[in-house]
Amino acid sequence: MQATLTFLGSGTSMGVPTLGCDCPVCTSAVDPNGDARNRRTRPSIRLVYNQRTVLIDTGPDFHAQALREGIRRVDAVLYTHSHADHILGFDDLRPLSFHVNGNLPIYADDPTASALERVFDYTFPTDPAKRYPTSARVQLHRLGPAPGSIVDIFGAEFRKIPITHGRQQITGYRFGNAAYLTDMSDIPDESLPLLQNLDILILDALRHEPHFSHSHLAKSIAYVEKLRPQRAYFTHMGHDLDHATTEATLPSHIRLAFDGLQLTFEIAP
């Protein structure tokens, strides 16, 4: 079964252009004659397969991303972790959830699920009578802690891939022949066998210089060489990385993602 993956956002938590910055990349991002690929909203992806739409993360730019990509329905959402640039668009699921038959399924590990319940407490009140009447109609599913645990979503298996984000363990996902590992600083040894024989590997590559909680360009290239996917795309990029200049230094099977980029791959046999 074939799927289409769209990068809704490919930027870091501060976005590109970064507020108050006049660097060449930020300037290019807003210049009508600049490189539009340098304009990066907060990171997330959309998957379309089997006439269904599945999101991974809903950042603070989700409303604008959904308008840009013409998203008129969402059938499920998976979350990687609870940082603001990955969950704050949750409330924008409200009108989309009204059209779901039943409740919109949401998948997250326990810390992320607890954060969603805390931040959006009007959606998840302990007393149902106190639920805000027009809050999102969702059903929260907690993912098991075991590495490699699988949830079936509309005929495709989504496998939990533990990754390290600084001092925190968060969730990456493998789905069919593709994997999405945003916000990773390292991939634990236990996760490496879960990332073999990939067509598409999507990795964090924040900037040129090392960072305590994100992978940088050289480190991400080394992971691609180690895991040997057919194709690799870097995401969660800051304003250190000019699209054209950086991509020109990469081998042909490694590309920089950009907002709106679409890829096709096999998500299920």
Foldseek 3Di string as FASTA:
>chain_A
DKKKKAWLFFAALQWAVHPPDDDPLNVLCPDPPHDVLSGTAQTKMWMADPNAIEIEFQAPCNVVSCVVVVPQAHQEYEYWAADRRGHVRVQVCQVRQVPDPAAREYEAADRNVVNCCVVPVLCVPPDVVSRDPRGHRHDYDHDDPDAQDWDADSRWIWTWFWAFFQPDITTKIDFAQETAEEQHQGGDPVRLVVLAAHQEYEAEAAAQDRDRGGHHDVRVVVVCVVRVHQAYEYGNYYSRDRQVVVQVVDPPRYHYHGHGDMDMDDRHD
